N, C-alpha and C. Protein backbone atom coordinates (compact mmCIF):
# COMPACT_ATOMS: atom_id res chain seq x y z
N MET A 1 183.88 52.18 74.97
CA MET A 1 182.85 52.43 75.97
C MET A 1 181.58 51.69 75.56
N ASN A 2 180.79 51.33 76.52
CA ASN A 2 179.56 50.59 76.30
C ASN A 2 178.42 51.57 76.03
N THR A 3 177.88 51.56 74.82
CA THR A 3 176.87 52.54 74.44
C THR A 3 175.56 52.35 75.19
N LYS A 4 175.19 51.11 75.53
CA LYS A 4 173.96 50.89 76.29
C LYS A 4 174.09 51.51 77.68
N LEU A 5 175.23 51.32 78.32
CA LEU A 5 175.44 51.91 79.64
C LEU A 5 175.44 53.44 79.55
N GLU A 6 176.06 53.98 78.52
CA GLU A 6 176.07 55.43 78.33
C GLU A 6 174.65 55.96 78.16
N ALA A 7 173.82 55.24 77.40
CA ALA A 7 172.43 55.65 77.19
C ALA A 7 171.64 55.62 78.51
N LEU A 8 171.89 54.61 79.33
CA LEU A 8 171.21 54.52 80.62
C LEU A 8 171.65 55.65 81.55
N ALA A 9 172.94 56.00 81.53
CA ALA A 9 173.42 57.13 82.34
C ALA A 9 172.79 58.43 81.86
N ALA A 10 172.66 58.59 80.55
CA ALA A 10 172.01 59.79 80.00
C ALA A 10 170.55 59.84 80.44
N ARG A 11 169.91 58.68 80.50
CA ARG A 11 168.51 58.63 80.96
C ARG A 11 168.43 59.06 82.43
N CYS A 12 169.38 58.64 83.26
CA CYS A 12 169.42 59.08 84.65
C CYS A 12 169.53 60.60 84.73
N ASN A 13 170.40 61.17 83.90
CA ASN A 13 170.56 62.63 83.89
C ASN A 13 169.25 63.31 83.50
N ALA A 14 168.57 62.76 82.49
CA ALA A 14 167.31 63.36 82.03
C ALA A 14 166.22 63.25 83.10
N LEU A 15 166.10 62.10 83.72
CA LEU A 15 165.04 61.88 84.71
C LEU A 15 165.23 62.70 85.98
N THR A 16 166.47 63.01 86.31
CA THR A 16 166.75 63.76 87.54
C THR A 16 166.98 65.25 87.29
N GLY A 17 166.94 65.65 86.02
CA GLY A 17 167.20 67.06 85.70
C GLY A 17 168.66 67.44 85.90
N SER A 18 169.53 66.46 85.86
CA SER A 18 170.96 66.70 86.05
C SER A 18 171.59 67.21 84.75
N PRO A 19 172.73 67.87 84.84
CA PRO A 19 173.41 68.37 83.65
C PRO A 19 173.71 67.24 82.67
N ARG A 20 173.62 67.54 81.37
CA ARG A 20 173.87 66.55 80.32
C ARG A 20 175.35 66.31 80.09
N GLU A 21 176.17 67.29 80.39
CA GLU A 21 177.62 67.20 80.17
C GLU A 21 178.34 67.14 81.52
N PRO A 22 179.46 66.42 81.59
CA PRO A 22 180.17 66.30 82.87
C PRO A 22 180.83 67.59 83.34
N HIS A 23 181.24 68.43 82.40
CA HIS A 23 181.86 69.71 82.79
C HIS A 23 181.63 70.74 81.70
N ASP A 24 181.79 72.00 82.09
CA ASP A 24 181.57 73.09 81.13
C ASP A 24 182.85 73.87 80.85
N GLY A 25 183.96 73.23 80.93
CA GLY A 25 185.24 73.88 80.65
C GLY A 25 186.08 74.05 81.90
N ASN A 26 185.67 74.96 82.77
CA ASN A 26 186.46 75.26 83.96
C ASN A 26 186.02 74.52 85.21
N ARG A 27 184.80 74.03 85.23
CA ARG A 27 184.32 73.35 86.43
C ARG A 27 183.43 72.17 86.05
N TRP A 28 183.35 71.24 86.98
CA TRP A 28 182.51 70.06 86.78
C TRP A 28 181.07 70.39 87.11
N ASN A 29 180.14 69.75 86.43
CA ASN A 29 178.71 69.95 86.68
C ASN A 29 178.23 68.97 87.74
N VAL A 30 177.99 69.50 88.93
CA VAL A 30 177.57 68.69 90.07
C VAL A 30 176.25 67.99 89.74
N GLY A 31 176.19 66.70 90.03
CA GLY A 31 174.98 65.92 89.82
C GLY A 31 174.98 65.09 88.55
N HIS A 32 175.93 65.35 87.65
CA HIS A 32 175.98 64.61 86.38
C HIS A 32 176.32 63.14 86.63
N TYR A 33 175.53 62.24 86.02
CA TYR A 33 175.81 60.80 86.06
C TYR A 33 176.74 60.44 84.92
N LEU A 34 177.68 59.53 85.18
CA LEU A 34 178.60 59.09 84.14
C LEU A 34 178.99 57.64 84.37
N ILE A 35 179.48 57.01 83.32
CA ILE A 35 179.96 55.64 83.39
C ILE A 35 181.48 55.67 83.43
N SER A 36 182.03 55.02 84.43
CA SER A 36 183.48 54.88 84.55
C SER A 36 183.85 53.50 84.03
N CYS A 37 184.96 53.44 83.32
CA CYS A 37 185.43 52.16 82.79
C CYS A 37 186.91 52.00 83.12
N SER A 38 187.21 50.97 83.89
CA SER A 38 188.61 50.65 84.18
C SER A 38 188.72 49.22 84.70
N TYR A 39 189.89 48.65 84.52
CA TYR A 39 190.18 47.30 84.97
C TYR A 39 189.19 46.28 84.40
N GLY A 40 188.67 46.54 83.21
CA GLY A 40 187.76 45.62 82.55
C GLY A 40 186.34 45.65 83.07
N GLY A 41 186.01 46.62 83.92
CA GLY A 41 184.67 46.72 84.48
C GLY A 41 184.12 48.12 84.37
N TYR A 42 182.88 48.28 84.78
CA TYR A 42 182.17 49.55 84.66
C TYR A 42 181.52 49.91 85.99
N ALA A 43 181.32 51.22 86.21
CA ALA A 43 180.64 51.69 87.41
C ALA A 43 179.82 52.93 87.05
N LEU A 44 178.68 53.09 87.70
CA LEU A 44 177.89 54.31 87.58
C LEU A 44 178.37 55.27 88.66
N GLN A 45 178.78 56.45 88.24
CA GLN A 45 179.28 57.45 89.17
C GLN A 45 178.52 58.75 88.97
N ARG A 46 178.60 59.62 89.97
CA ARG A 46 177.95 60.93 89.89
C ARG A 46 178.92 61.99 90.39
N VAL A 47 178.98 63.11 89.67
CA VAL A 47 179.86 64.20 90.06
C VAL A 47 179.35 64.77 91.39
N TYR A 48 180.25 64.87 92.35
CA TYR A 48 179.90 65.25 93.72
C TYR A 48 180.16 66.73 94.03
N ASN A 49 181.19 67.31 93.39
CA ASN A 49 181.46 68.73 93.61
C ASN A 49 182.11 69.35 92.37
N GLU A 50 182.26 70.66 92.37
CA GLU A 50 182.77 71.38 91.20
C GLU A 50 184.23 71.08 90.90
N ALA A 51 184.95 70.48 91.84
CA ALA A 51 186.34 70.10 91.61
C ALA A 51 186.45 68.77 90.86
N GLY A 52 185.32 68.09 90.69
CA GLY A 52 185.32 66.85 89.93
C GLY A 52 185.33 65.57 90.75
N ALA A 53 185.15 65.70 92.07
CA ALA A 53 185.05 64.49 92.90
C ALA A 53 183.81 63.71 92.48
N ILE A 54 183.92 62.41 92.52
CA ILE A 54 182.80 61.56 92.13
C ILE A 54 182.49 60.57 93.24
N ARG A 55 181.29 60.00 93.15
CA ARG A 55 180.97 58.91 94.08
C ARG A 55 180.34 57.79 93.30
N ASP A 56 180.62 56.59 93.73
CA ASP A 56 180.11 55.37 93.12
C ASP A 56 178.68 55.17 93.63
N ILE A 57 177.70 55.23 92.74
CA ILE A 57 176.30 55.17 93.13
C ILE A 57 175.96 53.85 93.83
N PHE A 58 176.44 52.74 93.33
CA PHE A 58 176.09 51.45 93.90
C PHE A 58 177.10 50.96 94.95
N GLY A 59 178.23 51.64 95.06
CA GLY A 59 179.24 51.27 96.04
C GLY A 59 179.87 49.91 95.81
N SER A 60 179.84 49.46 94.58
CA SER A 60 180.34 48.12 94.28
C SER A 60 181.64 48.13 93.50
N GLY A 61 182.15 49.29 93.18
CA GLY A 61 183.34 49.36 92.34
C GLY A 61 183.01 48.94 90.92
N ASN A 62 184.01 48.55 90.17
CA ASN A 62 183.80 48.17 88.78
C ASN A 62 183.30 46.74 88.69
N VAL A 63 182.27 46.56 87.87
CA VAL A 63 181.66 45.24 87.67
C VAL A 63 181.54 44.99 86.18
N PRO A 64 181.31 43.75 85.76
CA PRO A 64 181.11 43.48 84.33
C PRO A 64 179.92 44.27 83.78
N ALA A 65 179.98 44.57 82.49
CA ALA A 65 178.95 45.39 81.84
C ALA A 65 177.56 44.80 82.05
N ARG A 66 177.43 43.50 81.94
CA ARG A 66 176.12 42.87 82.09
C ARG A 66 175.54 43.13 83.48
N ASP A 67 176.37 43.02 84.51
CA ASP A 67 175.91 43.26 85.88
C ASP A 67 175.47 44.71 86.08
N LEU A 68 176.29 45.64 85.58
CA LEU A 68 175.94 47.04 85.73
C LEU A 68 174.68 47.38 84.93
N THR A 69 174.52 46.80 83.77
CA THR A 69 173.31 47.05 82.97
C THR A 69 172.07 46.66 83.75
N LYS A 70 172.08 45.50 84.39
CA LYS A 70 170.92 45.06 85.17
C LYS A 70 170.65 46.01 86.34
N ARG A 71 171.69 46.42 87.04
CA ARG A 71 171.52 47.35 88.16
C ARG A 71 171.00 48.70 87.69
N LEU A 72 171.56 49.16 86.59
CA LEU A 72 171.20 50.47 86.07
C LEU A 72 169.78 50.48 85.51
N GLU A 73 169.36 49.40 84.87
CA GLU A 73 167.98 49.32 84.39
C GLU A 73 166.99 49.38 85.56
N ALA A 74 167.30 48.72 86.67
CA ALA A 74 166.45 48.79 87.85
C ALA A 74 166.46 50.19 88.45
N TYR A 75 167.61 50.83 88.46
CA TYR A 75 167.74 52.20 88.99
C TYR A 75 166.90 53.17 88.17
N VAL A 76 166.95 53.03 86.85
CA VAL A 76 166.17 53.89 85.96
C VAL A 76 164.68 53.65 86.16
N ARG A 77 164.28 52.41 86.34
CA ARG A 77 162.87 52.11 86.61
C ARG A 77 162.40 52.81 87.88
N ASP A 78 163.25 52.86 88.91
CA ASP A 78 162.90 53.54 90.15
C ASP A 78 162.83 55.05 89.98
N LEU A 79 163.64 55.60 89.10
CA LEU A 79 163.63 57.05 88.86
C LEU A 79 162.45 57.48 87.99
N ASN A 80 161.98 56.57 87.15
CA ASN A 80 160.94 56.89 86.17
C ASN A 80 159.58 56.94 86.86
N PRO A 81 158.88 58.08 86.76
CA PRO A 81 157.58 58.20 87.45
C PRO A 81 156.50 57.32 86.83
């Protein structure tokens, strides 16, 4: 996993007051930001409901780490007061 992307997702959680952990055992924590990694790419996702449904924040699917880092840095700048 890409630690810079993970740190940026954690920053999103902190700035929005979202849960720090994706789930608490029996249910998913709605609002938690996480990094998905598959097919050689990464995506920023957010837990949508307690069953664990997620949504792709940028709607772009998986992209190279460098591309997601740039998008995520801009997203964090917009969240930061």
